[in-house]
Amino acid sequence: MTKMRRVVVLIAVAGELLVTSSVQAMNLVSASADVAPVVEYKSAKIRWRYKLKNGVMYKRLYNYTAKKWLGSWVKAD
């Protein structure tokens, strides 16, 4: 009978520990104002730019993301 009593007491103690135990959450990633967010572009924004010279329309590709010209001026059709 004492062995059965020990098992019951152990189960009761284990159940009490499981029910009354608390869990605390911790923030693993600190949000710091000193760190600037990183922005990565998936693709460059590239558009045609046009100019009219001596009555002839020309076009040239411009990369708005890098703010650079691509290629040279060609006649627009």
C-alpha atoms as a PDB file:
ATOM      1  CA  MET A   1       0.000   0.000   0.000  1.00  0.00           C
ATOM      2  CA  THR A   2       2.859   2.391   0.683  1.00  0.00           C
ATOM      3  CA  LYS A   3       4.206   1.860  -2.847  1.00  0.00           C
ATOM      4  CA  MET A   4       0.833   2.768  -4.308  1.00  0.00           C
ATOM      5  CA  ARG A   5       0.682   5.817  -2.051  1.00  0.00           C
ATOM      6  CA  ARG A   6       4.118   6.992  -3.249  1.00  0.00           C
ATOM      7  CA  VAL A   7       3.037   6.665  -6.907  1.00  0.00           C
ATOM      8  CA  VAL A   8      -0.129   8.674  -6.241  1.00  0.00           C
ATOM      9  CA  VAL A   9       1.838  11.374  -4.398  1.00  0.00           C
ATOM     10  CA  LEU A  10       4.428  11.571  -7.211  1.00  0.00           C
ATOM     11  CA  ILE A  11       1.695  11.859  -9.839  1.00  0.00           C
ATOM     12  CA  ALA A  12      -0.029  14.556  -7.782  1.00  0.00           C
ATOM     13  CA  VAL A  13       3.195  16.522  -7.344  1.00  0.00           C
ATOM     14  CA  ALA A  14       4.085  16.205 -11.033  1.00  0.00           C
ATOM     15  CA  GLY A  15       0.585  17.307 -12.032  1.00  0.00           C
ATOM     16  CA  GLU A  16       0.770  20.286  -9.678  1.00  0.00           C
ATOM     17  CA  LEU A  17       4.125  21.337 -11.138  1.00  0.00           C
ATOM     18  CA  LEU A  18       2.806  21.099 -14.685  1.00  0.00           C
ATOM     19  CA  VAL A  19      -0.344  23.063 -13.914  1.00  0.00           C
ATOM     20  CA  THR A  20       1.231  25.836 -11.826  1.00  0.00           C
ATOM     21  CA  SER A  21       4.440  26.320 -13.820  1.00  0.00           C
ATOM     22  CA  SER A  22       4.638  29.515 -15.861  1.00  0.00           C
ATOM     23  CA  VAL A  23       6.312  30.251 -19.149  1.00  0.00           C
ATOM     24  CA  GLN A  24       7.973  33.561 -19.844  1.00  0.00           C
ATOM     25  CA  ALA A  25       8.477  34.823 -23.375  1.00  0.00           C
ATOM     26  CA  MET A  26      11.678  36.613 -24.284  1.00  0.00           C
ATOM     27  CA  ASN A  27      12.322  38.914 -27.190  1.00  0.00           C
ATOM     28  CA  LEU A  28      15.225  37.336 -29.061  1.00  0.00           C
ATOM     29  CA  VAL A  29      15.526  40.105 -31.659  1.00  0.00           C
ATOM     30  CA  SER A  30      16.076  43.505 -30.171  1.00  0.00           C
ATOM     31  CA  ALA A  31      14.429  46.391 -31.946  1.00  0.00           C
ATOM     32  CA  SER A  32      17.032  49.122 -31.941  1.00  0.00           C
ATOM     33  CA  ALA A  33      16.554  52.598 -33.326  1.00  0.00           C
ATOM     34  CA  ASP A  34      20.235  52.638 -34.328  1.00  0.00           C
ATOM     35  CA  VAL A  35      19.804  49.945 -36.988  1.00  0.00           C
ATOM     36  CA  ALA A  36      18.401  51.132 -40.295  1.00  0.00           C
ATOM     37  CA  PRO A  37      16.126  48.701 -42.137  1.00  0.00           C
ATOM     38  CA  VAL A  38      17.658  47.052 -45.187  1.00  0.00           C
ATOM     39  CA  VAL A  39      15.694  47.481 -48.396  1.00  0.00           C
ATOM     40  CA  GLU A  40      16.523  45.243 -51.313  1.00  0.00           C
ATOM     41  CA  TYR A  41      15.000  45.852 -54.711  1.00  0.00           C
ATOM     42  CA  LYS A  42      13.883  42.745 -56.562  1.00  0.00           C
ATOM     43  CA  SER A  43      14.335  44.376 -59.956  1.00  0.00           C
ATOM     44  CA  ALA A  44      15.557  47.683 -61.286  1.00  0.00           C
ATOM     45  CA  LYS A  45      13.052  50.264 -62.501  1.00  0.00           C
ATOM     46  CA  ILE A  46      14.107  50.841 -66.124  1.00  0.00           C
ATOM     47  CA  ARG A  47      12.141  53.072 -68.507  1.00  0.00           C
ATOM     48  CA  TRP A  48      12.628  54.742 -71.861  1.00  0.00           C
ATOM     49  CA  ARG A  49      13.467  58.469 -71.919  1.00  0.00           C
ATOM     50  CA  TYR A  50      12.712  60.463 -75.054  1.00  0.00           C
ATOM     51  CA  LYS A  51      14.072  63.609 -76.656  1.00  0.00           C
ATOM     52  CA  LEU A  52      13.260  65.480 -79.801  1.00  0.00           C
ATOM     53  CA  LYS A  53      16.274  66.759 -81.742  1.00  0.00           C
ATOM     54  CA  ASN A  54      15.955  68.515 -85.136  1.00  0.00           C
ATOM     55  CA  GLY A  55      12.488  67.018 -85.594  1.00  0.00           C
ATOM     56  CA  VAL A  56      13.705  63.447 -84.969  1.00  0.00           C
ATOM     57  CA  MET A  57      12.532  61.495 -81.899  1.00  0.00           C
ATOM     58  CA  TYR A  58      15.259  59.631 -79.979  1.00  0.00           C
ATOM     59  CA  LYS A  59      14.977  57.245 -77.049  1.00  0.00           C
ATOM     60  CA  ARG A  60      17.381  55.897 -74.442  1.00  0.00           C
ATOM     61  CA  LEU A  61      16.977  53.532 -71.514  1.00  0.00           C
ATOM     62  CA  TYR A  62      17.315  55.003 -68.033  1.00  0.00           C
ATOM     63  CA  ASN A  63      17.678  53.053 -64.788  1.00  0.00           C
ATOM     64  CA  TYR A  64      15.656  54.981 -62.192  1.00  0.00           C
ATOM     65  CA  THR A  65      16.844  52.694 -59.387  1.00  0.00           C
ATOM     66  CA  ALA A  66      20.570  53.317 -59.979  1.00  0.00           C
ATOM     67  CA  LYS A  67      19.996  56.760 -61.575  1.00  0.00           C
ATOM     68  CA  LYS A  68      22.179  55.861 -64.571  1.00  0.00           C
ATOM     69  CA  TRP A  69      21.787  55.856 -68.324  1.00  0.00           C
ATOM     70  CA  LEU A  70      21.831  52.527 -70.149  1.00  0.00           C
ATOM     71  CA  GLY A  71      23.077  52.354 -73.710  1.00  0.00           C
ATOM     72  CA  SER A  72      23.058  55.258 -76.124  1.00  0.00           C
ATOM     73  CA  TRP A  73      20.431  57.355 -77.880  1.00  0.00           C
ATOM     74  CA  VAL A  74      18.683  55.580 -80.773  1.00  0.00           C
ATOM     75  CA  LYS A  75      15.991  56.703 -83.176  1.00  0.00           C
ATOM     76  CA  ALA A  76      12.501  55.954 -81.919  1.00  0.00           C
ATOM     77  CA  ASP A  77      10.172  54.335 -84.422  1.00  0.00           C
END
